[in-house]
PDB file of N, CA and C in Angstrom:
ATOM      1  N   MET A   1       3.839 -15.252  -3.286  1.00  0.00           N
ATOM      2  CA  MET A   1       5.073 -14.491  -3.608  1.00  0.00           C
ATOM      3  C   MET A   1       5.822 -14.217  -2.257  1.00  0.00           C
ATOM      4  N   THR A   2       7.174 -14.304  -2.479  1.00  0.00           N
ATOM      5  CA  THR A   2       7.872 -14.192  -1.115  1.00  0.00           C
ATOM      6  C   THR A   2       8.648 -12.785  -1.003  1.00  0.00           C
ATOM      7  N   ARG A   3       9.006 -12.468   0.097  1.00  0.00           N
ATOM      8  CA  ARG A   3       9.703 -11.099   0.295  1.00  0.00           C
ATOM      9  C   ARG A   3      11.068 -11.243  -0.284  1.00  0.00           C
ATOM     10  N   SER A   4      11.708 -12.359  -0.446  1.00  0.00           N
ATOM     11  CA  SER A   4      12.980 -12.605  -1.153  1.00  0.00           C
ATOM     12  C   SER A   4      13.005 -12.152  -2.410  1.00  0.00           C
ATOM     13  N   GLN A   5      11.896 -12.194  -3.238  1.00  0.00           N
ATOM     14  CA  GLN A   5      11.735 -11.726  -4.514  1.00  0.00           C
ATOM     15  C   GLN A   5      11.914 -10.339  -4.679  1.00  0.00           C
ATOM     16  N   ALA A   6      11.701  -9.522  -3.632  1.00  0.00           N
ATOM     17  CA  ALA A   6      11.791  -8.104  -3.691  1.00  0.00           C
ATOM     18  C   ALA A   6      13.365  -7.763  -3.784  1.00  0.00           C
ATOM     19  N   VAL A   7      14.235  -8.670  -3.369  1.00  0.00           N
ATOM     20  CA  VAL A   7      15.713  -8.283  -3.402  1.00  0.00           C
ATOM     21  C   VAL A   7      16.392  -9.130  -4.480  1.00  0.00           C
ATOM     22  N   ASN A   8      15.731 -10.094  -5.056  1.00  0.00           N
ATOM     23  CA  ASN A   8      16.474 -11.021  -6.012  1.00  0.00           C
ATOM     24  C   ASN A   8      16.545 -10.195  -7.442  1.00  0.00           C
ATOM     25  N   PRO A   9      17.729 -10.000  -7.746  1.00  0.00           N
ATOM     26  CA  PRO A   9      18.048  -9.322  -9.092  1.00  0.00           C
ATOM     27  C   PRO A   9      17.724 -10.162 -10.290  1.00  0.00           C
ATOM     28  N   ASN A  10      17.381 -11.428 -10.258  1.00  0.00           N
ATOM     29  CA  ASN A  10      16.945 -12.214 -11.259  1.00  0.00           C
ATOM     30  C   ASN A  10      15.591 -12.375 -11.591  1.00  0.00           C
ATOM     31  N   VAL A  11      14.717 -11.451 -10.971  1.00  0.00           N
ATOM     32  CA  VAL A  11      13.329 -11.633 -11.155  1.00  0.00           C
ATOM     33  C   VAL A  11      12.939 -10.514 -11.972  1.00  0.00           C
ATOM     34  N   CYS A  12      11.774 -10.607 -12.659  1.00  0.00           N
ATOM     35  CA  CYS A  12      10.955  -9.448 -13.539  1.00  0.00           C
ATOM     36  C   CYS A  12      10.855  -8.290 -12.480  1.00  0.00           C
ATOM     37  N   GLY A  13      11.018  -7.074 -12.985  1.00  0.00           N
ATOM     38  CA  GLY A  13      10.899  -5.785 -12.290  1.00  0.00           C
ATOM     39  C   GLY A  13       9.621  -5.661 -11.617  1.00  0.00           C
ATOM     40  N   VAL A  14       8.445  -6.112 -12.334  1.00  0.00           N
ATOM     41  CA  VAL A  14       7.151  -6.027 -11.990  1.00  0.00           C
ATOM     42  C   VAL A  14       6.998  -6.991 -10.664  1.00  0.00           C
ATOM     43  N   THR A  15       7.549  -8.091 -10.644  1.00  0.00           N
ATOM     44  CA  THR A  15       7.500  -9.071  -9.531  1.00  0.00           C
ATOM     45  C   THR A  15       8.192  -8.519  -8.312  1.00  0.00           C
ATOM     46  N   ALA A  16       9.333  -7.745  -8.536  1.00  0.00           N
ATOM     47  CA  ALA A  16      10.149  -7.111  -7.529  1.00  0.00           C
ATOM     48  C   ALA A  16       9.328  -5.995  -6.783  1.00  0.00           C
ATOM     49  N   VAL A  17       8.499  -5.282  -7.623  1.00  0.00           N
ATOM     50  CA  VAL A  17       7.746  -4.285  -7.101  1.00  0.00           C
ATOM     51  C   VAL A  17       6.572  -4.753  -6.359  1.00  0.00           C
ATOM     52  N   ILE A  18       5.858  -5.763  -6.887  1.00  0.00           N
ATOM     53  CA  ILE A  18       4.633  -6.411  -6.281  1.00  0.00           C
ATOM     54  C   ILE A  18       5.188  -7.070  -5.039  1.00  0.00           C
ATOM     55  N   ALA A  19       6.258  -7.598  -4.907  1.00  0.00           N
ATOM     56  CA  ALA A  19       6.741  -8.302  -3.626  1.00  0.00           C
ATOM     57  C   ALA A  19       6.776  -7.157  -2.426  1.00  0.00           C
ATOM     58  N   VAL A  20       7.079  -5.910  -2.769  1.00  0.00           N
ATOM     59  CA  VAL A  20       7.138  -4.954  -1.698  1.00  0.00           C
ATOM     60  C   VAL A  20       5.863  -4.375  -1.311  1.00  0.00           C
ATOM     61  N   ILE A  21       4.760  -4.680  -2.134  1.00  0.00           N
ATOM     62  CA  ILE A  21       3.406  -4.071  -1.767  1.00  0.00           C
ATOM     63  C   ILE A  21       2.394  -5.318  -1.461  1.00  0.00           C
ATOM     64  N   ASP A  22       2.968  -6.500  -1.542  1.00  0.00           N
ATOM     65  CA  ASP A  22       2.097  -7.674  -1.235  1.00  0.00           C
ATOM     66  C   ASP A  22       1.715  -7.634   0.108  1.00  0.00           C
ATOM     67  N   GLY A  23       0.409  -8.024   0.343  1.00  0.00           N
ATOM     68  CA  GLY A  23      -0.280  -7.975   1.572  1.00  0.00           C
ATOM     69  C   GLY A  23      -1.530  -7.259   1.481  1.00  0.00           C
ATOM     70  N   LYS A  24      -2.359  -7.451   2.565  1.00  0.00           N
ATOM     71  CA  LYS A  24      -3.612  -6.835   2.684  1.00  0.00           C
ATOM     72  C   LYS A  24      -3.620  -5.375   2.822  1.00  0.00           C
ATOM     73  N   TRP A  25      -2.632  -4.930   3.476  1.00  0.00           N
ATOM     74  CA  TRP A  25      -2.640  -3.515   4.047  1.00  0.00           C
ATOM     75  C   TRP A  25      -1.753  -2.532   3.379  1.00  0.00           C
ATOM     76  N   LYS A  26      -0.819  -2.948   2.606  1.00  0.00           N
ATOM     77  CA  LYS A  26       0.390  -2.167   2.197  1.00  0.00           C
ATOM     78  C   LYS A  26      -0.234  -1.067   1.211  1.00  0.00           C
ATOM     79  N   THR A  27      -1.021  -1.450   0.360  1.00  0.00           N
ATOM     80  CA  THR A  27      -1.468  -0.517  -0.651  1.00  0.00           C
ATOM     81  C   THR A  27      -2.358   0.529  -0.097  1.00  0.00           C
ATOM     82  N   SER A  28      -3.182   0.077   0.970  1.00  0.00           N
ATOM     83  CA  SER A  28      -3.991   1.109   1.804  1.00  0.00           C
ATOM     84  C   SER A  28      -3.021   2.077   2.642  1.00  0.00           C
ATOM     85  N   LEU A  29      -2.048   1.552   3.193  1.00  0.00           N
ATOM     86  CA  LEU A  29      -1.105   2.341   3.839  1.00  0.00           C
ATOM     87  C   LEU A  29      -0.347   3.354   2.842  1.00  0.00           C
ATOM     88  N   LEU A  30      -0.061   2.910   1.736  1.00  0.00           N
ATOM     89  CA  LEU A  30       0.576   3.915   0.749  1.00  0.00           C
ATOM     90  C   LEU A  30      -0.398   5.022   0.358  1.00  0.00           C
ATOM     91  N   TRP A  31      -1.521   4.491   0.203  1.00  0.00           N
ATOM     92  CA  TRP A  31      -2.667   5.541  -0.259  1.00  0.00           C
ATOM     93  C   TRP A  31      -2.818   6.576   0.848  1.00  0.00           C
ATOM     94  N   LEU A  32      -2.922   6.099   2.190  1.00  0.00           N
ATOM     95  CA  LEU A  32      -3.076   7.103   3.243  1.00  0.00           C
ATOM     96  C   LEU A  32      -1.822   8.015   3.409  1.00  0.00           C
ATOM     97  N   LEU A  33      -0.641   7.394   3.266  1.00  0.00           N
ATOM     98  CA  LEU A  33       0.620   8.203   3.514  1.00  0.00           C
ATOM     99  C   LEU A  33       0.858   9.151   2.265  1.00  0.00           C
ATOM    100  N   GLU A  34       0.145   8.867   1.097  1.00  0.00           N
ATOM    101  CA  GLU A  34       0.193   9.849  -0.071  1.00  0.00           C
ATOM    102  C   GLU A  34      -0.272  11.224   0.452  1.00  0.00           C
ATOM    103  N   ALA A  35      -1.104  11.401   1.348  1.00  0.00           N
ATOM    104  CA  ALA A  35      -1.780  12.509   1.844  1.00  0.00           C
ATOM    105  C   ALA A  35      -0.927  13.402   2.715  1.00  0.00           C
ATOM    106  N   GLY A  36       0.245  12.706   3.227  1.00  0.00           N
ATOM    107  CA  GLY A  36       1.099  13.279   4.197  1.00  0.00           C
ATOM    108  C   GLY A  36       1.571  12.470   5.304  1.00  0.00           C
ATOM    109  N   PRO A  37       2.321  12.838   6.168  1.00  0.00           N
ATOM    110  CA  PRO A  37       2.791  12.098   7.394  1.00  0.00           C
ATOM    111  C   PRO A  37       1.649  11.791   8.231  1.00  0.00           C
ATOM    112  N   HIS A  38       1.809  10.413   8.672  1.00  0.00           N
ATOM    113  CA  HIS A  38       0.718  10.088   9.728  1.00  0.00           C
ATOM    114  C   HIS A  38       1.429   9.325  10.953  1.00  0.00           C
ATOM    115  N   ARG A  39       0.786   9.434  12.037  1.00  0.00           N
ATOM    116  CA  ARG A  39       1.232   8.720  13.302  1.00  0.00           C
ATOM    117  C   ARG A  39       0.519   7.309  13.237  1.00  0.00           C
ATOM    118  N   PRO A  40       1.111   6.303  13.752  1.00  0.00           N
ATOM    119  CA  PRO A  40       0.589   4.999  13.688  1.00  0.00           C
ATOM    120  C   PRO A  40      -0.881   4.828  14.051  1.00  0.00           C
ATOM    121  N   ALA A  41      -1.170   5.501  15.212  1.00  0.00           N
ATOM    122  CA  ALA A  41      -2.479   5.551  15.743  1.00  0.00           C
ATOM    123  C   ALA A  41      -3.632   6.121  14.772  1.00  0.00           C
ATOM    124  N   GLU A  42      -3.122   7.227  13.976  1.00  0.00           N
ATOM    125  CA  GLU A  42      -3.982   7.672  13.009  1.00  0.00           C
ATOM    126  C   GLU A  42      -4.358   6.635  11.776  1.00  0.00           C
ATOM    127  N   LEU A  43      -3.203   5.909  11.471  1.00  0.00           N
ATOM    128  CA  LEU A  43      -3.305   4.931  10.421  1.00  0.00           C
ATOM    129  C   LEU A  43      -4.348   3.852  10.774  1.00  0.00           C
ATOM    130  N   ARG A  44      -4.037   3.388  12.111  1.00  0.00           N
ATOM    131  CA  ARG A  44      -5.175   2.338  12.586  1.00  0.00           C
ATOM    132  C   ARG A  44      -6.596   2.839  12.560  1.00  0.00           C
ATOM    133  N   ARG A  45      -6.780   4.060  12.941  1.00  0.00           N
ATOM    134  CA  ARG A  45      -8.200   4.546  13.124  1.00  0.00           C
ATOM    135  C   ARG A  45      -8.624   4.637  11.687  1.00  0.00           C
ATOM    136  N   ARG A  46      -7.890   4.926  10.632  1.00  0.00           N
ATOM    137  CA  ARG A  46      -8.365   5.035   9.294  1.00  0.00           C
ATOM    138  C   ARG A  46      -8.568   3.754   8.455  1.00  0.00           C
ATOM    139  N   LEU A  47      -8.032   2.693   9.087  1.00  0.00           N
ATOM    140  CA  LEU A  47      -8.031   1.285   8.577  1.00  0.00           C
ATOM    141  C   LEU A  47      -8.732   0.368   9.578  1.00  0.00           C
ATOM    142  N   PRO A  48     -10.091   0.367   9.804  1.00  0.00           N
ATOM    143  CA  PRO A  48     -10.549  -0.563  10.702  1.00  0.00           C
ATOM    144  C   PRO A  48     -10.324  -1.939  10.347  1.00  0.00           C
ATOM    145  N   GLY A  49      -9.966  -2.708  11.390  1.00  0.00           N
ATOM    146  CA  GLY A  49      -9.653  -4.184  11.179  1.00  0.00           C
ATOM    147  C   GLY A  49      -8.270  -4.442  11.162  1.00  0.00           C
ATOM    148  N   LEU A  50      -7.310  -3.389  11.088  1.00  0.00           N
ATOM    149  CA  LEU A  50      -5.920  -3.487  11.055  1.00  0.00           C
ATOM    150  C   LEU A  50      -5.454  -3.469  12.573  1.00  0.00           C
ATOM    151  N   SER A  51      -4.835  -4.548  12.868  1.00  0.00           N
ATOM    152  CA  SER A  51      -4.216  -4.700  14.339  1.00  0.00           C
ATOM    153  C   SER A  51      -3.038  -3.999  14.479  1.00  0.00           C
ATOM    154  N   GLU A  52      -2.570  -3.563  15.739  1.00  0.00           N
ATOM    155  CA  GLU A  52      -1.333  -2.789  15.915  1.00  0.00           C
ATOM    156  C   GLU A  52      -0.198  -3.678  15.535  1.00  0.00           C
ATOM    157  N   LYS A  53      -0.284  -5.000  15.758  1.00  0.00           N
ATOM    158  CA  LYS A  53       0.822  -5.868  15.428  1.00  0.00           C
ATOM    159  C   LYS A  53       1.052  -6.000  13.970  1.00  0.00           C
ATOM    160  N   VAL A  54      -0.088  -6.016  13.170  1.00  0.00           N
ATOM    161  CA  VAL A  54       0.054  -6.087  11.715  1.00  0.00           C
ATOM    162  C   VAL A  54       0.634  -4.740  11.205  1.00  0.00           C
ATOM    163  N   LEU A  55       0.049  -3.729  11.717  1.00  0.00           N
ATOM    164  CA  LEU A  55       0.540  -2.377  11.252  1.00  0.00           C
ATOM    165  C   LEU A  55       1.983  -2.187  11.450  1.00  0.00           C
ATOM    166  N   THR A  56       2.401  -2.603  12.627  1.00  0.00           N
ATOM    167  CA  THR A  56       3.965  -2.399  12.970  1.00  0.00           C
ATOM    168  C   THR A  56       4.691  -3.231  11.964  1.00  0.00           C
ATOM    169  N   GLN A  57       4.313  -4.506  11.694  1.00  0.00           N
ATOM    170  CA  GLN A  57       4.971  -5.321  10.777  1.00  0.00           C
ATOM    171  C   GLN A  57       4.964  -4.801   9.452  1.00  0.00           C
ATOM    172  N   ALA A  58       3.812  -4.397   8.973  1.00  0.00           N
ATOM    173  CA  ALA A  58       3.736  -3.789   7.703  1.00  0.00           C
ATOM    174  C   ALA A  58       4.679  -2.569   7.477  1.00  0.00           C
ATOM    175  N   LEU A  59       4.523  -1.752   8.410  1.00  0.00           N
ATOM    176  CA  LEU A  59       5.404  -0.484   8.316  1.00  0.00           C
ATOM    177  C   LEU A  59       6.920  -0.724   8.350  1.00  0.00           C
ATOM    178  N   ARG A  60       7.219  -1.683   9.368  1.00  0.00           N
ATOM    179  CA  ARG A  60       8.626  -2.196   9.344  1.00  0.00           C
ATOM    180  C   ARG A  60       9.137  -2.673   7.970  1.00  0.00           C
ATOM    181  N   GLU A  61       8.363  -3.479   7.348  1.00  0.00           N
ATOM    182  CA  GLU A  61       8.720  -4.018   6.063  1.00  0.00           C
ATOM    183  C   GLU A  61       8.694  -2.872   5.057  1.00  0.00           C
ATOM    184  N   MET A  62       7.796  -2.018   4.989  1.00  0.00           N
ATOM    185  CA  MET A  62       7.784  -0.942   3.985  1.00  0.00           C
ATOM    186  C   MET A  62       9.004  -0.023   4.233  1.00  0.00           C
ATOM    187  N   GLU A  63       9.477   0.157   5.549  1.00  0.00           N
ATOM    188  CA  GLU A  63      10.495   0.936   5.778  1.00  0.00           C
ATOM    189  C   GLU A  63      11.837   0.304   5.258  1.00  0.00           C
ATOM    190  N   SER A  64      11.891  -1.044   5.529  1.00  0.00           N
ATOM    191  CA  SER A  64      12.952  -1.896   5.040  1.00  0.00           C
ATOM    192  C   SER A  64      13.179  -1.913   3.610  1.00  0.00           C
ATOM    193  N   ASP A  65      12.106  -1.829   2.977  1.00  0.00           N
ATOM    194  CA  ASP A  65      11.918  -1.851   1.409  1.00  0.00           C
ATOM    195  C   ASP A  65      12.131  -0.519   0.822  1.00  0.00           C
ATOM    196  N   GLY A  66      12.290   0.550   1.749  1.00  0.00           N
ATOM    197  CA  GLY A  66      12.468   1.942   1.201  1.00  0.00           C
ATOM    198  C   GLY A  66      11.173   2.679   0.745  1.00  0.00           C
ATOM    199  N   LEU A  67      10.057   2.325   1.184  1.00  0.00           N
ATOM    200  CA  LEU A  67       8.903   3.004   0.845  1.00  0.00           C
ATOM    201  C   LEU A  67       8.508   4.041   1.747  1.00  0.00           C
ATOM    202  N   VAL A  68       8.684   3.848   3.098  1.00  0.00           N
ATOM    203  CA  VAL A  68       8.430   4.778   4.142  1.00  0.00           C
ATOM    204  C   VAL A  68       9.586   5.099   4.875  1.00  0.00           C
ATOM    205  N   HIS A  69       9.441   6.415   5.441  1.00  0.00           N
ATOM    206  CA  HIS A  69      10.570   6.934   6.367  1.00  0.00           C
ATOM    207  C   HIS A  69       9.877   6.988   7.753  1.00  0.00           C
ATOM    208  N   ARG A  70      10.481   6.533   8.783  1.00  0.00           N
ATOM    209  CA  ARG A  70      10.084   6.403  10.183  1.00  0.00           C
ATOM    210  C   ARG A  70      10.821   7.485  10.891  1.00  0.00           C
ATOM    211  N   GLU A  71      10.156   8.556  11.543  1.00  0.00           N
ATOM    212  CA  GLU A  71      10.762   9.649  12.271  1.00  0.00           C
ATOM    213  C   GLU A  71      10.251   9.518  13.719  1.00  0.00           C
ATOM    214  N   VAL A  72      11.251   9.460  14.643  1.00  0.00           N
ATOM    215  CA  VAL A  72      10.861   9.334  16.060  1.00  0.00           C
ATOM    216  C   VAL A  72      11.275  10.781  16.679  1.00  0.00           C
ATOM    217  N   HIS A  73      10.356  11.568  17.154  1.00  0.00           N
ATOM    218  CA  HIS A  73      10.645  12.800  17.911  1.00  0.00           C
ATOM    219  C   HIS A  73      10.864  12.483  19.350  1.00  0.00           C
ATOM    220  N   ASP A  74      11.834  13.093  19.829  1.00  0.00           N
ATOM    221  CA  ASP A  74      12.340  12.842  21.243  1.00  0.00           C
ATOM    222  C   ASP A  74      11.629  13.806  22.197  1.00  0.00           C
ATOM    223  N   VAL A  75      10.281  13.299  22.350  1.00  0.00           N
ATOM    224  CA  VAL A  75       9.266  13.968  23.354  1.00  0.00           C
ATOM    225  C   VAL A  75       8.765  12.802  24.081  1.00  0.00           C
ATOM    226  N   LEU A  76       8.271  13.216  25.401  1.00  0.00           N
ATOM    227  CA  LEU A  76       7.482  12.075  26.124  1.00  0.00           C
ATOM    228  C   LEU A  76       6.005  12.391  26.099  1.00  0.00           C
ATOM    229  N   PRO A  77       5.216  11.452  25.793  1.00  0.00           N
ATOM    230  CA  PRO A  77       5.644  10.139  25.307  1.00  0.00           C
ATOM    231  C   PRO A  77       6.335  10.158  23.808  1.00  0.00           C
ATOM    232  N   LEU A  78       6.951   9.163  23.329  1.00  0.00           N
ATOM    233  CA  LEU A  78       7.726   9.232  22.087  1.00  0.00           C
ATOM    234  C   LEU A  78       6.575   9.413  20.958  1.00  0.00           C
ATOM    235  N   LYS A  79       6.929  10.372  20.016  1.00  0.00           N
ATOM    236  CA  LYS A  79       6.032  10.513  18.958  1.00  0.00           C
ATOM    237  C   LYS A  79       6.708  10.004  17.645  1.00  0.00           C
ATOM    238  N   THR A  80       6.111   8.922  17.138  1.00  0.00           N
ATOM    239  CA  THR A  80       6.513   8.385  15.768  1.00  0.00           C
ATOM    240  C   THR A  80       5.658   8.830  14.606  1.00  0.00           C
ATOM    241  N   VAL A  81       6.379   9.232  13.501  1.00  0.00           N
ATOM    242  CA  VAL A  81       5.574   9.618  12.443  1.00  0.00           C
ATOM    243  C   VAL A  81       6.123   8.927  11.126  1.00  0.00           C
ATOM    244  N   TYR A  82       5.228   8.535  10.240  1.00  0.00           N
ATOM    245  CA  TYR A  82       5.614   7.798   9.071  1.00  0.00           C
ATOM    246  C   TYR A  82       5.249   8.523   7.910  1.00  0.00           C
ATOM    247  N   SER A  83       6.089   8.712   6.992  1.00  0.00           N
ATOM    248  CA  SER A  83       5.905   9.495   5.638  1.00  0.00           C
ATOM    249  C   SER A  83       6.426   8.626   4.456  1.00  0.00           C
ATOM    250  N   LEU A  84       6.077   9.017   3.307  1.00  0.00           N
ATOM    251  CA  LEU A  84       6.617   8.226   2.065  1.00  0.00           C
ATOM    252  C   LEU A  84       7.900   8.814   1.726  1.00  0.00           C
ATOM    253  N   THR A  85       8.816   7.949   1.276  1.00  0.00           N
ATOM    254  CA  THR A  85      10.125   8.347   0.646  1.00  0.00           C
ATOM    255  C   THR A  85       9.794   8.767  -0.672  1.00  0.00           C
ATOM    256  N   ASP A  86      10.878   9.146  -1.368  1.00  0.00           N
ATOM    257  CA  ASP A  86      10.750   9.545  -2.842  1.00  0.00           C
ATOM    258  C   ASP A  86      10.322   8.371  -3.540  1.00  0.00           C
ATOM    259  N   PHE A  87      10.983   7.199  -3.171  1.00  0.00           N
ATOM    260  CA  PHE A  87      10.648   5.750  -3.861  1.00  0.00           C
ATOM    261  C   PHE A  87       9.148   5.398  -3.604  1.00  0.00           C
ATOM    262  N   GLY A  88       8.723   5.643  -2.378  1.00  0.00           N
ATOM    263  CA  GLY A  88       7.297   5.292  -2.093  1.00  0.00           C
ATOM    264  C   GLY A  88       6.401   6.217  -2.889  1.00  0.00           C
ATOM    265  N   ARG A  89       6.655   7.477  -3.034  1.00  0.00           N
ATOM    266  CA  ARG A  89       5.797   8.439  -3.753  1.00  0.00           C
ATOM    267  C   ARG A  89       5.795   8.009  -5.172  1.00  0.00           C
ATOM    268  N   ARG A  90       7.054   7.574  -5.721  1.00  0.00           N
ATOM    269  CA  ARG A  90       6.997   7.196  -7.074  1.00  0.00           C
ATOM    270  C   ARG A  90       6.278   5.912  -7.330  1.00  0.00           C
ATOM    271  N   LEU A  91       6.265   4.937  -6.370  1.00  0.00           N
ATOM    272  CA  LEU A  91       5.443   3.769  -6.529  1.00  0.00           C
ATOM    273  C   LEU A  91       4.028   4.080  -6.375  1.00  0.00           C
ATOM    274  N   SER A  92       3.637   4.957  -5.533  1.00  0.00           N
ATOM    275  CA  SER A  92       2.212   5.355  -5.382  1.00  0.00           C
ATOM    276  C   SER A  92       1.733   6.010  -6.677  1.00  0.00           C
ATOM    277  N   ASP A  93       2.508   6.850  -7.304  1.00  0.00           N
ATOM    278  CA  ASP A  93       2.146   7.442  -8.553  1.00  0.00           C
ATOM    279  C   ASP A  93       1.932   6.402  -9.600  1.00  0.00           C
ATOM    280  N   ALA A  94       2.932   5.435  -9.611  1.00  0.00           N
ATOM    281  CA  ALA A  94       2.769   4.391 -10.756  1.00  0.00           C
ATOM    282  C   ALA A  94       1.562   3.518 -10.536  1.00  0.00           C
ATOM    283  N   LEU A  95       1.208   3.359  -9.375  1.00  0.00           N
ATOM    284  CA  LEU A  95      -0.002   2.563  -9.012  1.00  0.00           C
ATOM    285  C   LEU A  95      -1.362   3.245  -9.405  1.00  0.00           C
ATOM    286  N   GLY A  96      -1.300   4.493  -9.505  1.00  0.00           N
ATOM    287  CA  GLY A  96      -2.417   5.239  -9.977  1.00  0.00           C
ATOM    288  C   GLY A  96      -3.269   4.598 -11.265  1.00  0.00           C
ATOM    289  N   PRO A  97      -2.667   4.461 -12.270  1.00  0.00           N
ATOM    290  CA  PRO A  97      -3.250   3.917 -13.393  1.00  0.00           C
ATOM    291  C   PRO A  97      -3.864   2.498 -13.184  1.00  0.00           C
ATOM    292  N   ILE A  98      -3.104   1.690 -12.381  1.00  0.00           N
ATOM    293  CA  ILE A  98      -3.640   0.359 -11.955  1.00  0.00           C
ATOM    294  C   ILE A  98      -4.907   0.578 -11.080  1.00  0.00           C
ATOM    295  N   SER A  99      -4.832   1.487 -10.221  1.00  0.00           N
ATOM    296  CA  SER A  99      -6.116   1.819  -9.364  1.00  0.00           C
ATOM    297  C   SER A  99      -7.318   2.191 -10.335  1.00  0.00           C
ATOM    298  N   ASP A 100      -7.011   3.005 -11.308  1.00  0.00           N
ATOM    299  CA  ASP A 100      -8.119   3.410 -12.260  1.00  0.00           C
ATOM    300  C   ASP A 100      -8.616   2.159 -12.910  1.00  0.00           C
ATOM    301  N   LEU A 101      -7.755   1.219 -13.406  1.00  0.00           N
ATOM    302  CA  LEU A 101      -8.226   0.027 -13.960  1.00  0.00           C
ATOM    303  C   LEU A 101      -9.122  -0.710 -12.987  1.00  0.00           C
ATOM    304  N   GLY A 102      -8.649  -0.885 -11.797  1.00  0.00           N
ATOM    305  CA  GLY A 102      -9.425  -1.582 -10.785  1.00  0.00           C
ATOM    306  C   GLY A 102     -10.790  -0.989 -10.572  1.00  0.00           C
ATOM    307  N   HIS A 103     -10.908   0.371 -10.465  1.00  0.00           N
ATOM    308  CA  HIS A 103     -12.211   0.952 -10.384  1.00  0.00           C
ATOM    309  C   HIS A 103     -13.036   0.728 -11.647  1.00  0.00           C
ATOM    310  N   GLU A 104     -12.406   0.676 -12.824  1.00  0.00           N
ATOM    311  CA  GLU A 104     -13.184   0.535 -14.014  1.00  0.00           C
ATOM    312  C   GLU A 104     -13.727  -0.970 -13.923  1.00  0.00           C
ATOM    313  N   ARG A 105     -12.841  -1.908 -13.542  1.00  0.00           N
ATOM    314  CA  ARG A 105     -13.417  -3.301 -13.395  1.00  0.00           C
ATOM    315  C   ARG A 105     -14.570  -3.433 -12.433  1.00  0.00           C
ATOM    316  N   LEU A 106     -14.464  -2.721 -11.209  1.00  0.00           N
ATOM    317  CA  LEU A 106     -15.523  -2.755 -10.234  1.00  0.00           C
ATOM    318  C   LEU A 106     -16.821  -2.154 -10.791  1.00  0.00           C
ATOM    319  N   ASP A 107     -16.728  -1.159 -11.489  1.00  0.00           N
ATOM    320  CA  ASP A 107     -17.875  -0.513 -12.140  1.00  0.00           C
ATOM    321  C   ASP A 107     -18.539  -1.457 -13.038  1.00  0.00           C
ATOM    322  N   ARG A 108     -17.790  -2.167 -13.889  1.00  0.00           N
ATOM    323  CA  ARG A 108     -18.265  -3.061 -14.770  1.00  0.00           C
ATOM    324  C   ARG A 108     -18.918  -4.255 -14.081  1.00  0.00           C
ATOM    325  N   MET A 109     -18.222  -4.794 -13.228  1.00  0.00           N
ATOM    326  CA  MET A 109     -18.957  -5.921 -12.369  1.00  0.00           C
ATOM    327  C   MET A 109     -20.209  -5.365 -11.673  1.00  0.00           C
ATOM    328  N   THR A 110     -20.367  -4.166 -11.229  1.00  0.00           N
ATOM    329  CA  THR A 110     -21.535  -3.837 -10.625  1.00  0.00           C
ATOM    330  C   THR A 110     -22.753  -3.715 -11.598  1.00  0.00           C
ATOM    331  N   ALA A 111     -22.300  -3.032 -12.827  1.00  0.00           N
ATOM    332  CA  ALA A 111     -23.371  -2.987 -13.963  1.00  0.00           C
ATOM    333  C   ALA A 111     -23.755  -4.379 -14.462  1.00  0.00           C
ATOM    334  N   GLU A 112     -22.716  -5.317 -14.503  1.00  0.00           N
ATOM    335  CA  GLU A 112     -23.112  -6.667 -14.792  1.00  0.00           C
ATOM    336  C   GLU A 112     -24.195  -7.322 -13.884  1.00  0.00           C
ATOM    337  N   GLN A 113     -23.850  -7.072 -12.593  1.00  0.00           N
ATOM    338  CA  GLN A 113     -24.700  -7.645 -11.559  1.00  0.00           C
ATOM    339  C   GLN A 113     -26.131  -7.056 -11.581  1.00  0.00           C
ATOM    340  N   ALA A 114     -26.169  -5.876 -12.025  1.00  0.00           N
ATOM    341  CA  ALA A 114     -27.427  -5.207 -12.092  1.00  0.00           C
ATOM    342  C   ALA A 114     -28.174  -5.604 -13.479  1.00  0.00           C
ATOM    343  N   GLY A 115     -27.513  -6.293 -14.257  1.00  0.00           N
ATOM    344  CA  GLY A 115     -28.069  -6.694 -15.521  1.00  0.00           C
ATOM    345  C   GLY A 115     -28.152  -5.581 -16.544  1.00  0.00           C
ATOM    346  N   GLN A 116     -27.289  -4.603 -16.401  1.00  0.00           N
ATOM    347  CA  GLN A 116     -27.096  -3.439 -17.381  1.00  0.00           C
ATOM    348  C   GLN A 116     -26.311  -3.698 -18.527  1.00  0.00           C
ATOM    349  N   VAL A 117     -25.291  -4.604 -18.527  1.00  0.00           N
ATOM    350  CA  VAL A 117     -24.460  -4.885 -19.603  1.00  0.00           C
ATOM    351  C   VAL A 117     -24.179  -6.454 -19.666  1.00  0.00           C
ATOM    352  N   GLU A 118     -23.845  -6.877 -20.742  1.00  0.00           N
ATOM    353  CA  GLU A 118     -23.451  -8.286 -20.946  1.00  0.00           C
ATOM    354  C   GLU A 118     -22.132  -8.523 -20.270  1.00  0.00           C
ATOM    355  N   PRO A 119     -21.855  -9.658 -19.649  1.00  0.00           N
ATOM    356  CA  PRO A 119     -20.606  -9.941 -19.083  1.00  0.00           C
ATOM    357  C   PRO A 119     -19.536 -10.020 -20.210  1.00  0.00           C
ATOM    358  N   SER A 120     -18.441  -9.411 -19.667  1.00  0.00           N
ATOM    359  CA  SER A 120     -17.347  -9.350 -20.609  1.00  0.00           C
ATOM    360  C   SER A 120     -16.721 -10.782 -20.960  1.00  0.00           C
ATOM    361  N   ALA A 121     -16.352 -10.948 -22.218  1.00  0.00           N
ATOM    362  CA  ALA A 121     -15.738 -12.265 -22.658  1.00  0.00           C
ATOM    363  C   ALA A 121     -14.217 -12.371 -22.237  1.00  0.00           C
ATOM    364  N   SER A 122     -13.848 -13.368 -21.725  1.00  0.00           N
ATOM    365  CA  SER A 122     -12.524 -13.405 -21.252  1.00  0.00           C
ATOM    366  C   SER A 122     -11.655 -14.376 -22.105  1.00  0.00           C
TER     367      SER A 122
END
């Protein structure tokens, strides 16, 4: 999926939304920012394995897509805080049921691996 699909008016609405959350870290960042504003260093501490470069890139893309708001406080050293926009909050709310389905799937897979239930037919 390409980022250009996020702004292409001729694609399915679901494709346009998935294009703005596509990537390894964006849904996790949405989830963390749901709890309130965070500084970049806080986000990195909460997501082990996320490099500063990738965090900066993801937050810039999310800001460009209207999901997050970046606020820079004029103090030394500069203090930057990220928070969800109304659109970001609405998207996060919409992803809730999808998250529930994902947890249901993971629970089913765990039960199947433990031999507690028959594998589901696909």
